[in-house]
Structure formats: C-alpha cells, structure tokens
C-alpha cells in the first residue's frame, strides 16, 4: 500500500541531536532541582523514608537529567498527618487572612517563572512558549480564588418560605484534608487549579504530581513557604501510582481531586464511592470544532494550533476533530494541512517551537500506533503520517493531519493525546452537531462562524461542559468540567470553590 504524506517539518539546519542535547544539558545545569532526595512535609524538605527512586527523562533527548524519591507508606502517612494537624489553625483563620497570604504566594510564583518554565519543559517536553506562561497563569488562578474571601465571609441567612418565623444561617466550612493528584501535561496549572480553591476554603493538602514531572511543582511549594503559608498546610510527596492509590484510600483524607485519564479516574471514583469520599475528576476528551459554512477560515488558521493541538496535542479539552460541511470541507483540509506542516517542530527550549516531543516514550508509541491505525482504516494523510521524526533519540512524533475520517474510526473516537488532527465531513450543520455529540466524552469544543449569534445557538446544542465561539479559553471565574466520560464535578469559579466546602445549616427562630 502506498501512503501519501507530506515530509516531516525540518528543524533548523544547525539543530542536530547533539546540539539539542548539549543545549539541554546546559539548561538543566542551571536549575536548583535536579537529583533530589527529599519530600516536603510539615513545612520542610525532609529525606524520604523509602529508598526507591525514579529518573526524570528529558523527552527531547531521551536522557535522564534528574531523579526524585518514591514516597514510602510512612512518608504518605506523615504528610497526611501534618495536613491534619495544620487544618484547625488554617481553617480557623479568617478567609481574608488566608487571601492575604495567597496574594503574597502569587507574587512569589511569578518571581520563579524562568526556572519553573525550564524545569517544566525538561520534564515533559512542553514548548517553552507554553511553559513560560505557567507561572503567570498560576498566579492569576491564585489571585482569583483569593478574591473570593469576601464571598466566604458574607452572612448567608435564609428565611423559610412556609415558616417565616424560622431563619437558617448557612455556613460554609472547609472540607478538610485534600489529596491533589495531577497529570504530567500541565503539571503546574493542573495542581494550582485545585490548590488555590482548597487554600481559600481553609483546607490543607497533600500534592502528588505525576511521576514524569516531580520537580517543577517544587517552585509552587517554595512560593507558599515564602508567602508564610503555615507548616503542614501544603505537603508534597512524589512517586508512582501506588503513592496516589495510598492517598486516595488514606483514612485521614477527606477529599480527592484528580486530573488524568478516564480509566484511572474510574478506579479513583470507585474507591471514593466505596469510602463515601467526595471526589472531583477532570478526565479525558475528544472535542470537536464545528466549522459552519460562513466561518472565517483566516481566523480559524490563526487559532488552529492553540485550539486543536495545544501543547503538542497533549491537552484534554482541545478540539482534535475538525467537523466541516461540504461547502468548506476541502478548504478546511487544505488549511489544516498547511498550518500543521509549516509549524516548527523542534527544540522545546526554542521560543519559536510550536511542536516539541510528546512527554514520554510510552506516549510516543501510543500516538504512533494511532497514526498507523488511521492509515489502516483508510484515512487520508495530508500532513505528517507514519514517517520518521527529526531526531534519533527522544519521544518525537511528526504532527499529523488526517482527512476523509469517518466518525467510527479509532482516530475519531478515542483520545490520542498527541499531535494528531482529524478532519471529518458532515452533510450539514445538524449532522455536524450529531458527530460532535457522538462520543463518550464531553469536555470542550468550538463553533466557528461569522454570525456569532448562530454559532452560539449551535454551541448550545453540543453536549459538552465547555465550548467556545470562534476560540476556546478557560475563564477562572466560570466552571470548567466534563460530562459523561470526561469527569465528575467542576473546577474554577464559585462552583470550583464549593467542591472544597461542606455546608452547615443552623436553624433558629427569628426575633
């Protein structure tokens, strides 16, 4: 079988693998965190009880550049116990006092932006154009939730509609000790989206980052210390999935918040259901961008990479399926192929890079398997394909665009989590909505159209937790969460804060 494909985007002529490796070695040498032996428990870095360690591999070169400890059960117990001891004092502060320290923490996070970005890129291969925004975005999340202190301090008295002589004071108490378990694709912001509401609510936390990304989160911990967050309020343990499992089932954990894959989320949900433990799950997605007949394709091209392939396709909500009606289908295919094939694939430490490596060798193999499945099922390669990546070592995948994709193909149904974009033909707008809704997921989506009122109406028909008109971006003040296999509960907004609160109603007779 002859498969047509476009050549892989070529790196700059001087960028050989040896040059790339040398540049990454120089970058990692400047970082404060490389081979660490400690965990952050009860306000200090202390040696891990366990002897196990794991390596941190640079996805661009395939070389280990750092390592971190695997927390032993005794370490997890110590971290949870520290959080439990700190809970009465932290939750007992006025929300405005907690907010004051959180604002100082946000400033401290921004001061660490450079080292945080480099560490993040060396951990998971995210282009520095992406990771350089992590600190400012994290600081913005912290500041938003700090601004909700007034909401928490506001009196909430409700008169019984059928019994006017009775009034109820509704109090919002911190839920307790929270286990925050984060993935490797956005290791900073997907922790902070949990940490910030937990802190303003008065909760204490134990953070468990994904094993490929154990180091960049330390800059957030350091910022909390600098801001005067008391000992035991924020704790950090690292390790493999067994550490996360212990946290999920720990008898002194009151709530679990997890971002990651749907299969792992199901297991966590089952454990929390058995324990009657509150849980927030932000899981996978297979979102669609519906291109209406009147869409501005020049605008679509300007936002396509961020909307459909952000972070080398390793973003849960991105619209990796372009769904176009016959009037625009060929133009959309041409636009997608040209945009993806000309975007720079190369050194993630180069600010001009659009596509870096995927995060791990295992993920590389999964993504390439999907590309082969698309070819085998009859999809037409219009950019990339199952072709060699530009570097001999590392976790590289050539960004790929498929046309003539049908909704039943694996590349159209399953979350790939890599730089693969599919273009699907829909008979009309109603069929496009049906295709967008014909998935087990419901996380993101976009509708492109010049008539924004019509696009809005189409967006309201898509069965998804969040959707944009001509763009997609999270709003810290609005809830973000998935439907169906994309999760349980929401993050951001008042609704995200509510996940860390437990209400108490005190009934009294009105005077």
Protein backbone atom coordinates (compact mmCIF):
# COMPACT_ATOMS: atom_id res chain seq x y z
CA UNK A 1 0.00 0.00 0.00
CA UNK A 2 1.35 3.40 -0.95
CA UNK A 3 0.61 6.09 1.58
CA UNK A 4 0.93 9.70 0.54
CA UNK A 5 2.22 12.06 3.19
CA UNK A 6 3.98 15.37 3.48
CA UNK A 7 7.57 15.45 4.69
CA UNK A 8 8.22 15.97 8.37
CA UNK A 9 8.78 19.65 9.22
CA UNK A 10 12.52 20.09 9.13
CA UNK A 11 14.35 21.54 12.13
CA UNK A 12 16.74 24.43 11.68
CA UNK A 13 19.84 23.19 9.80
CA UNK A 14 22.19 23.60 12.77
CA UNK A 15 19.92 21.75 15.18
CA UNK A 16 21.37 18.26 15.25
CA UNK A 17 20.53 15.92 18.08
CA UNK A 18 23.96 16.52 19.62
CA UNK A 19 23.42 20.28 19.56
CA UNK A 20 19.98 19.85 21.13
CA UNK A 21 21.37 17.57 23.87
CA UNK A 22 24.19 20.00 24.63
CA UNK A 23 21.75 22.91 24.96
CA UNK A 24 19.52 20.89 27.28
CA UNK A 25 22.45 19.82 29.43
CA UNK A 26 23.42 23.47 29.82
CA UNK A 27 19.86 24.44 30.71
CA UNK A 28 19.44 21.72 33.33
CA UNK A 29 22.77 22.61 34.94
CA UNK A 30 21.37 26.00 35.97
CA UNK A 31 18.39 24.57 37.84
CA UNK A 32 18.16 24.29 41.64
CA UNK A 33 16.29 20.99 41.50
CA UNK A 34 17.90 18.00 39.83
CA UNK A 35 18.69 14.93 41.90
CA UNK A 36 16.54 15.43 44.98
CA UNK A 37 16.25 13.08 47.94
CA UNK A 38 13.54 14.80 49.90
CA UNK A 39 9.81 15.37 50.16
CA UNK A 40 8.07 18.45 51.53
CA UNK A 41 6.25 17.53 54.73
CA UNK A 42 5.15 19.72 57.65
CA UNK A 43 6.86 22.87 56.42
CA UNK A 44 10.26 21.44 55.50
CA UNK A 45 12.06 19.31 52.97
CA UNK A 46 12.96 16.07 54.68
CA UNK A 47 14.60 12.85 53.43
CA UNK A 48 12.18 10.24 52.15
CA UNK A 49 11.78 7.15 54.29
CA UNK A 50 11.76 4.91 51.24
CA UNK A 51 14.92 4.02 49.35
CA UNK A 52 13.23 3.85 45.94
CA UNK A 53 13.94 6.47 43.30
CA UNK A 54 12.87 7.20 39.75
CA UNK A 55 14.55 9.10 36.93
CA UNK A 56 13.27 12.22 35.21
CA UNK A 57 13.83 11.91 31.46
CA UNK A 58 14.11 14.81 29.02
CA UNK A 59 11.66 13.85 26.25
CA UNK A 60 13.62 15.83 23.66
CA UNK A 61 16.82 13.83 24.12
CA UNK A 62 15.74 10.63 25.86
CA UNK A 63 18.37 11.27 28.53
CA UNK A 64 17.79 11.17 32.29
CA UNK A 65 18.74 14.52 33.80
CA UNK A 66 17.26 14.33 37.30
CA UNK A 67 15.72 11.97 39.82
CA UNK A 68 13.29 12.03 42.71
CA UNK A 69 12.30 9.74 45.59
CA UNK A 70 9.40 7.32 45.70
CA UNK A 71 7.49 8.08 48.87
CA UNK A 72 7.13 5.14 51.22
CA UNK A 73 3.82 4.47 53.01
CA UNK A 74 5.36 6.09 56.09
CA UNK A 75 6.02 9.25 54.08
CA UNK A 76 2.41 9.43 52.91
CA UNK A 77 1.21 8.88 56.47
CA UNK A 78 3.49 11.67 57.69
CA UNK A 79 2.28 14.09 55.01
CA UNK A 80 -1.39 13.40 55.73
CA UNK A 81 -0.79 13.66 59.49
CA UNK A 82 0.93 17.03 59.01
CA UNK A 83 -2.02 18.26 56.97
CA UNK A 84 -4.42 17.03 59.65
CA UNK A 85 -2.52 18.86 62.41
CA UNK A 86 -2.41 22.08 60.41
CA UNK A 87 -6.10 22.00 59.49
CA UNK A 88 -7.63 23.59 62.63
CA UNK A 89 -5.27 26.55 62.58
CA UNK A 90 -5.53 27.24 58.84
CA UNK A 91 -9.29 26.78 58.62
CA UNK A 92 -9.66 28.89 61.75
CA UNK A 93 -8.14 31.95 60.09
CA UNK A 94 -10.48 34.49 58.56
CA UNK A 95 -10.76 33.97 54.78
CA UNK A 96 -9.35 37.47 54.28
CA UNK A 97 -6.20 36.46 56.18
CA UNK A 98 -5.81 33.35 54.05
CA UNK A 99 -6.33 35.53 50.98
CA UNK A 100 -3.59 37.91 52.12
CA UNK A 101 -1.06 35.09 52.21
CA UNK A 102 -2.28 33.70 48.92
CA UNK A 103 -1.71 37.04 47.22
CA UNK A 104 1.85 37.03 48.51
CA UNK A 105 2.17 33.47 47.20
CA UNK A 106 1.01 34.56 43.73
CA UNK A 107 3.75 37.21 43.64
CA UNK A 108 6.31 34.62 44.74
CA UNK A 109 5.21 32.23 41.99
CA UNK A 110 5.75 34.88 39.34
CA UNK A 111 9.26 35.56 40.61
CA UNK A 112 10.11 31.91 39.85
CA UNK A 113 8.74 31.98 36.30
CA UNK A 114 12.02 31.36 34.43
CA UNK A 115 13.32 28.39 36.41
CA UNK A 116 9.83 26.93 36.62
CA UNK A 117 9.39 27.10 32.82
CA UNK A 118 12.76 25.49 32.07
CA UNK A 119 12.18 22.71 34.58
CA UNK A 120 8.72 22.02 33.20
CA UNK A 121 10.00 21.85 29.62
CA UNK A 122 12.81 19.47 30.55
CA UNK A 123 10.34 17.26 32.43
CA UNK A 124 7.60 16.85 29.83
CA UNK A 125 8.80 18.44 26.58
CA UNK A 126 6.17 21.19 26.51
CA UNK A 127 7.44 24.05 24.33
CA UNK A 128 8.81 26.90 26.40
CA UNK A 129 6.34 29.17 24.60
CA UNK A 130 3.77 27.23 26.63
CA UNK A 131 5.62 26.73 29.92
CA UNK A 132 6.77 30.36 30.10
CA UNK A 133 3.12 31.27 30.74
CA UNK A 134 2.67 28.73 33.53
CA UNK A 135 3.76 30.98 36.39
CA UNK A 136 1.63 33.95 35.38
CA UNK A 137 -1.39 31.73 34.79
CA UNK A 138 -0.91 30.01 38.16
CA UNK A 139 -0.60 33.39 39.85
CA UNK A 140 -3.81 34.52 38.17
CA UNK A 141 -5.67 31.45 39.45
CA UNK A 142 -4.40 32.05 42.98
CA UNK A 143 -5.42 35.72 42.85
CA UNK A 144 -8.88 34.88 41.54
CA UNK A 145 -9.62 32.45 44.37
CA UNK A 146 -8.15 34.86 46.92
CA UNK A 147 -10.72 37.37 45.67
CA UNK A 148 -13.49 35.04 46.88
CA UNK A 149 -12.65 35.69 50.54
CA UNK A 150 -15.44 38.25 50.69
CA UNK A 151 -17.91 35.63 49.43
CA UNK A 152 -16.87 33.28 52.23
CA UNK A 153 -17.19 35.99 54.86
CA UNK A 154 -20.62 37.13 53.74
CA UNK A 155 -23.54 36.30 56.05
CA UNK A 156 -25.99 33.90 54.44
CA UNK A 157 -29.33 33.88 56.29
CA UNK A 158 -32.35 32.29 54.61
CA UNK A 159 -35.96 32.63 55.76
CA UNK A 160 -38.10 29.52 55.47
CA UNK A 161 -40.74 30.25 52.79
CA UNK A 162 -43.53 28.33 54.57
CA UNK A 163 -42.46 29.24 58.11
CA UNK A 164 -41.48 32.94 58.21
CA UNK A 165 -40.69 32.69 61.91
CA UNK A 166 -37.73 30.41 61.13
CA UNK A 167 -34.41 31.55 59.69
CA UNK A 168 -31.41 29.45 58.77
CA UNK A 169 -27.78 30.54 58.89
CA UNK A 170 -25.88 28.69 56.18
CA UNK A 171 -22.19 28.25 56.94
CA UNK A 172 -19.53 27.03 54.52
CA UNK A 173 -16.86 25.02 56.32
CA UNK A 174 -13.61 23.71 54.89
CA UNK A 175 -13.98 20.08 53.91
CA UNK A 176 -10.66 19.03 55.49
CA UNK A 177 -7.51 17.32 54.22
CA UNK A 178 -7.41 17.06 50.42
CA UNK A 179 -5.34 14.80 48.17
CA UNK A 180 -4.45 16.65 44.96
CA UNK A 181 -3.29 14.28 42.21
CA UNK A 182 -2.10 15.89 38.99
CA UNK A 183 -1.08 14.74 35.48
CA UNK A 184 2.10 15.37 33.51
CA UNK A 185 0.80 17.55 30.67
CA UNK A 186 0.29 20.78 32.68
CA UNK A 187 1.99 19.93 35.99
CA UNK A 188 1.70 23.45 37.43
CA UNK A 189 -1.69 24.78 36.49
CA UNK A 190 -3.50 21.48 37.00
CA UNK A 191 -2.23 21.47 40.58
CA UNK A 192 -2.94 25.15 41.22
CA UNK A 193 -6.49 24.83 39.87
CA UNK A 194 -7.03 22.54 42.89
CA UNK A 195 -4.66 24.11 45.38
CA UNK A 196 -5.99 27.67 45.19
CA UNK A 197 -9.65 26.88 46.00
CA UNK A 198 -8.54 24.45 48.70
CA UNK A 199 -6.42 27.13 50.37
CA UNK A 200 -9.02 29.89 50.35
CA UNK A 201 -11.62 27.41 51.63
CA UNK A 202 -9.38 26.62 54.60
CA UNK A 203 -8.37 23.11 53.56
CA UNK A 204 -4.92 21.58 53.91
CA UNK A 205 -3.43 19.45 51.15
CA UNK A 206 -1.07 16.71 50.09
CA UNK A 207 0.06 17.10 46.47
CA UNK A 208 1.10 14.11 44.40
CA UNK A 209 2.43 15.10 40.93
CA UNK A 210 2.73 12.65 38.04
CA UNK A 211 5.96 10.66 38.06
CA UNK A 212 7.39 12.24 34.87
CA UNK A 213 7.01 15.75 36.37
CA UNK A 214 8.03 15.72 40.06
CA UNK A 215 10.26 18.81 40.14
CA UNK A 216 8.53 21.90 38.70
CA UNK A 217 5.83 21.79 41.38
CA UNK A 218 8.53 22.48 43.99
CA UNK A 219 8.59 26.10 42.85
CA UNK A 220 4.92 26.38 43.88
CA UNK A 221 5.72 24.84 47.26
CA UNK A 222 8.63 27.26 47.71
CA UNK A 223 6.34 30.18 46.89
CA UNK A 224 3.88 29.01 49.56
CA UNK A 225 6.68 28.93 52.12
CA UNK A 226 7.89 32.40 51.14
CA UNK A 227 4.34 33.72 51.48
CA UNK A 228 4.02 32.48 55.04
CA UNK A 229 1.60 29.63 54.43
CA UNK A 230 1.91 27.72 57.74
CA UNK A 231 3.73 24.43 58.08
CA UNK A 232 1.60 21.42 57.21
CA UNK A 233 -0.90 23.31 55.06
CA UNK A 234 0.87 22.30 51.83
CA UNK A 235 2.72 18.97 51.60
CA UNK A 236 4.35 17.24 48.64
CA UNK A 237 5.04 13.55 48.02
CA UNK A 238 6.38 12.02 44.81
CA UNK A 239 6.39 8.57 43.33
CA UNK A 240 4.47 6.13 41.19
CA UNK A 241 0.79 5.24 41.04
CA UNK A 242 1.00 3.27 44.28
CA UNK A 243 1.60 6.54 46.13
CA UNK A 244 -1.52 8.03 44.58
CA UNK A 245 -3.50 4.91 45.44
CA UNK A 246 -2.47 5.19 49.09
CA UNK A 247 -3.54 8.83 49.18
CA UNK A 248 -6.91 8.10 47.60
CA UNK A 249 -7.71 5.44 50.22
CA UNK A 250 -5.98 7.05 53.20
CA UNK A 251 -8.37 7.07 56.19
CA UNK A 252 -7.47 10.66 57.12
CA UNK A 253 -8.07 12.18 53.66
CA UNK A 254 -11.42 13.96 53.35
CA UNK A 255 -11.49 14.74 49.61
CA UNK A 256 -9.70 13.71 46.41
CA UNK A 257 -9.17 15.90 43.35
CA UNK A 258 -7.70 14.21 40.28
CA UNK A 259 -6.90 15.17 36.70
CA UNK A 260 -5.85 12.43 34.31
CA UNK A 261 -7.09 9.63 32.13
CA UNK A 262 -10.63 8.29 32.20
CA UNK A 263 -9.60 4.69 33.08
CA UNK A 264 -7.64 5.87 36.14
CA UNK A 265 -10.47 8.25 37.03
CA UNK A 266 -12.92 5.35 37.05
CA UNK A 267 -10.76 3.48 39.57
CA UNK A 268 -10.48 6.55 41.79
CA UNK A 269 -14.23 7.14 41.56
CA UNK A 270 -14.88 3.53 42.57
CA UNK A 271 -12.58 3.84 45.60
CA UNK A 272 -14.11 7.15 46.68
CA UNK A 273 -17.61 5.78 46.19
CA UNK A 274 -16.80 2.85 48.44
CA UNK A 275 -15.45 5.26 51.07
CA UNK A 276 -18.22 7.87 50.55
CA UNK A 277 -15.40 10.37 49.95
CA UNK A 278 -16.03 13.50 47.85
CA UNK A 279 -14.08 13.48 44.59
CA UNK A 280 -13.55 15.84 41.67
CA UNK A 281 -12.43 14.20 38.42
CA UNK A 282 -11.27 16.09 35.32
CA UNK A 283 -10.68 13.40 32.73
CA UNK A 284 -10.26 12.84 29.01
CA UNK A 285 -11.83 14.45 25.99
CA UNK A 286 -12.44 14.10 22.27
CA UNK A 287 -13.77 17.52 21.44
CA UNK A 288 -14.89 18.87 18.08
CA UNK A 289 -14.51 22.19 16.31
CA UNK A 290 -17.57 22.64 14.10
CA UNK A 291 -16.81 24.80 11.07
CA UNK A 292 -20.02 26.45 9.87
CA UNK A 293 -20.47 27.37 6.19
CA UNK A 294 -19.88 31.07 6.95
CA UNK A 295 -16.73 30.52 9.05
CA UNK A 296 -13.79 32.90 8.66
CA UNK A 297 -11.06 30.45 7.68
CA UNK A 298 -8.31 33.02 8.06
CA UNK A 299 -9.31 33.37 11.72
CA UNK A 300 -9.54 29.60 12.08
CA UNK A 301 -5.99 29.28 10.78
CA UNK A 302 -4.75 31.87 13.27
CA UNK A 303 -6.07 29.91 16.28
CA UNK A 304 -5.91 26.34 14.96
CA UNK A 305 -2.70 25.24 16.68
CA UNK A 306 -3.74 26.50 20.11
CA UNK A 307 -7.35 25.39 19.75
CA UNK A 308 -6.76 21.95 18.27
CA UNK A 309 -3.17 20.88 19.00
CA UNK A 310 -2.07 22.90 22.03
CA UNK A 311 0.94 21.52 23.90
CA UNK A 312 1.79 19.10 21.06
CA UNK A 313 -1.74 17.76 21.25
CA UNK A 314 -1.43 16.86 24.94
CA UNK A 315 -4.34 18.90 26.26
CA UNK A 316 -7.60 17.38 27.47
CA UNK A 317 -10.10 19.86 26.05
CA UNK A 318 -8.62 20.69 22.64
CA UNK A 319 -10.74 20.12 19.54
CA UNK A 320 -8.77 17.40 17.79
CA UNK A 321 -11.69 16.80 15.41
CA UNK A 322 -12.49 19.44 12.80
CA UNK A 323 -16.03 18.86 11.54
CA UNK A 324 -16.86 20.73 8.32
CA UNK A 325 -19.82 20.82 5.96
CA UNK A 326 -19.29 20.09 2.24
CA UNK A 327 -19.16 23.79 1.27
CA UNK A 328 -15.93 24.30 3.22
CA UNK A 329 -14.54 20.81 3.68
CA UNK A 330 -11.75 20.90 1.08
CA UNK A 331 -10.67 24.37 2.21
CA UNK A 332 -10.54 23.24 5.83
CA UNK A 333 -8.43 20.20 4.92
CA UNK A 334 -6.02 22.38 2.96
CA UNK A 335 -5.82 24.94 5.77
CA UNK A 336 -5.19 22.33 8.46
CA UNK A 337 -2.51 20.57 6.42
CA UNK A 338 -0.68 23.80 5.61
CA UNK A 339 -0.87 25.15 9.16
CA UNK A 340 0.38 21.98 10.83
CA UNK A 341 3.06 21.04 8.29
CA UNK A 342 4.66 24.50 8.39
CA UNK A 343 4.64 24.91 12.18
CA UNK A 344 8.09 24.47 13.75
CA UNK A 345 8.80 21.03 15.18
CA UNK A 346 11.99 21.12 17.22
CA UNK A 347 13.78 22.11 20.39
CA UNK A 348 11.11 22.83 23.04
CA UNK A 349 13.51 25.33 24.67
CA UNK A 350 13.32 27.46 21.50
CA UNK A 351 10.52 30.08 21.88
CA UNK A 352 9.69 29.68 18.18
CA UNK A 353 8.88 25.99 18.51
CA UNK A 354 5.22 25.05 18.10
CA UNK A 355 5.59 21.28 18.48
CA UNK A 356 8.02 19.62 20.87
CA UNK A 357 8.31 15.94 21.72
CA UNK A 358 5.49 14.12 23.45
CA UNK A 359 6.06 13.63 27.15
CA UNK A 360 7.25 10.03 27.36
CA UNK A 361 8.48 7.18 25.18
CA UNK A 362 5.36 5.21 26.08
CA UNK A 363 3.15 8.08 24.90
CA UNK A 364 5.15 8.31 21.66
CA UNK A 365 4.45 4.66 20.94
CA UNK A 366 0.73 5.09 21.70
CA UNK A 367 0.42 8.09 19.37
CA UNK A 368 2.31 6.41 16.54
CA UNK A 369 0.05 3.39 16.97
CA UNK A 370 -2.96 5.64 16.44
CA UNK A 371 -1.40 7.13 13.32
CA UNK A 372 -0.91 3.64 11.90
CA UNK A 373 -4.49 2.73 12.79
CA UNK A 374 -5.78 5.78 10.93
CA UNK A 375 -3.85 4.75 7.83
CA UNK A 376 -5.01 1.15 8.12
CA UNK A 377 -8.67 2.22 8.44
CA UNK A 378 -8.49 4.32 5.28
CA UNK A 379 -7.99 7.89 6.48
CA UNK A 380 -6.03 10.09 4.07
CA UNK A 381 -2.77 11.58 5.34
CA UNK A 382 -2.46 15.23 4.33
CA UNK A 383 0.34 16.19 6.72
CA UNK A 384 2.88 14.07 8.56
CA UNK A 385 1.92 10.42 8.83
CA UNK A 386 3.86 7.39 9.96
CA UNK A 387 7.19 8.94 8.97
CA UNK A 388 10.49 9.27 10.84
CA UNK A 389 10.75 12.04 13.41
CA UNK A 390 13.58 14.57 13.02
CA UNK A 391 15.74 13.34 15.91
CA UNK A 392 17.23 9.93 16.54
CA UNK A 393 16.56 9.92 20.29
CA UNK A 394 13.71 11.21 22.43
CA UNK A 395 9.93 10.97 22.25
CA UNK A 396 9.24 12.60 18.92
CA UNK A 397 6.14 12.23 16.76
CA UNK A 398 5.65 14.02 13.46
CA UNK A 399 2.47 16.17 13.68
CA UNK A 400 -0.19 14.56 11.51
CA UNK A 401 -3.45 15.61 9.87
CA UNK A 402 -5.94 13.07 8.54
CA UNK A 403 -8.71 13.83 6.03
CA UNK A 404 -11.57 11.60 4.92
CA UNK A 405 -12.01 10.44 8.50
CA UNK A 406 -15.29 8.77 9.41
CA UNK A 407 -16.78 9.01 12.92
CA UNK A 408 -16.29 5.29 13.58
CA UNK A 409 -12.53 5.27 13.03
CA UNK A 410 -10.40 4.94 16.18
CA UNK A 411 -8.67 8.25 15.46
CA UNK A 412 -12.11 9.89 15.51
CA UNK A 413 -13.42 8.17 18.63
CA UNK A 414 -10.56 7.70 21.08
CA UNK A 415 -8.43 10.25 22.90
CA UNK A 416 -4.97 10.16 21.31
CA UNK A 417 -3.18 12.80 23.41
CA UNK A 418 -0.63 13.68 20.77
CA UNK A 419 -0.20 15.85 17.66
CA UNK A 420 -2.90 14.22 15.52
CA UNK A 421 -5.77 16.19 13.98
CA UNK A 422 -8.69 14.65 12.10
CA UNK A 423 -10.98 16.38 9.60
CA UNK A 424 -14.47 14.90 9.31
CA UNK A 425 -17.07 15.71 6.65
CA UNK A 426 -20.64 16.39 7.84
CA UNK A 427 -23.61 16.52 5.47
CA UNK A 428 -24.95 19.68 7.10
CA UNK A 429 -24.89 21.58 10.40
CA UNK A 430 -27.31 19.18 12.07
CA UNK A 431 -25.05 16.28 11.11
CA UNK A 432 -22.03 18.18 12.43
CA UNK A 433 -23.71 18.58 15.82
CA UNK A 434 -24.59 14.89 15.80
CA UNK A 435 -20.96 13.97 15.09
CA UNK A 436 -19.75 16.29 17.86
CA UNK A 437 -22.16 14.61 20.27
CA UNK A 438 -21.42 11.10 19.03
CA UNK A 439 -18.68 10.42 21.54
CA UNK A 440 -18.44 9.12 25.09
CA UNK A 441 -16.70 12.34 26.14
CA UNK A 442 -17.99 15.87 26.74
CA UNK A 443 -15.27 18.30 27.78
CA UNK A 444 -14.56 21.08 25.27
CA UNK A 445 -15.41 22.27 21.79
CA UNK A 446 -15.62 25.26 19.47
CA UNK A 447 -18.03 26.54 16.84
CA UNK A 448 -16.53 28.70 14.09
CA UNK A 449 -18.87 31.07 12.24
CA UNK A 450 -19.05 34.73 11.24
CA UNK A 451 -22.63 35.00 12.50
CA UNK A 452 -21.82 34.70 16.20
CA UNK A 453 -25.46 34.51 17.27
CA UNK A 454 -26.00 31.50 15.03
CA UNK A 455 -22.71 29.97 16.19
CA UNK A 456 -23.82 30.49 19.78
CA UNK A 457 -27.08 28.67 19.09
CA UNK A 458 -25.16 25.76 17.57
CA UNK A 459 -22.78 25.71 20.55
CA UNK A 460 -25.73 25.34 22.93
CA UNK A 461 -26.68 22.13 21.09
CA UNK A 462 -23.33 20.47 21.74
CA UNK A 463 -23.37 18.15 24.76
CA UNK A 464 -20.21 19.33 26.47
CA UNK A 465 -19.11 21.04 29.66
CA UNK A 466 -17.38 23.98 27.96
CA UNK A 467 -17.47 25.33 24.43
CA UNK A 468 -16.29 28.49 22.70
CA UNK A 469 -17.46 30.61 19.79
CA UNK A 470 -14.53 31.20 17.41
CA UNK A 471 -11.99 30.46 20.16
CA UNK A 472 -11.54 28.45 23.34
CA UNK A 473 -10.04 29.68 26.59
CA UNK A 474 -10.75 28.95 30.23
CA UNK A 475 -12.25 31.68 32.39
CA UNK A 476 -11.10 31.47 36.02
CA UNK A 477 -14.49 32.77 37.14
CA UNK A 478 -16.55 30.22 35.18
CA UNK A 479 -16.89 26.49 35.94
CA UNK A 480 -14.83 24.06 33.87
CA UNK A 481 -15.71 20.39 33.89
CA UNK A 482 -16.71 17.48 31.76
CA UNK A 483 -19.81 15.49 31.05
CA UNK A 484 -20.10 11.74 30.63
CA UNK A 485 -16.64 10.07 30.49
CA UNK A 486 -14.92 13.45 30.84
CA UNK A 487 -15.35 13.63 34.58
CA UNK A 488 -17.30 14.49 37.69
CA UNK A 489 -17.62 17.94 39.20
CA UNK A 490 -16.05 21.19 38.07
CA UNK A 491 -13.04 23.39 38.71
CA UNK A 492 -12.78 27.22 38.55
CA UNK A 493 -15.43 29.68 39.63
CA UNK A 494 -17.60 29.72 42.73
CA UNK A 495 -18.61 26.20 41.72
CA UNK A 496 -14.98 25.03 41.89
CA UNK A 497 -14.59 26.55 45.35
CA UNK A 498 -17.75 24.78 46.53
CA UNK A 499 -16.02 21.43 45.96
CA UNK A 500 -13.74 22.22 48.93
CA UNK A 501 -16.55 23.32 51.26
CA UNK A 502 -19.14 21.45 53.28
CA UNK A 503 -22.27 23.40 54.25
CA UNK A 504 -23.90 23.51 57.65
CA UNK A 505 -27.39 24.90 58.16
CA UNK A 506 -28.17 26.29 61.63
CA UNK A 507 -31.92 26.76 62.13
CA UNK A 508 -33.21 29.38 64.57
CA UNK A 509 -36.41 31.19 65.39
CA UNK A 510 -36.43 34.74 64.06
CA UNK A 511 -36.59 37.53 66.60
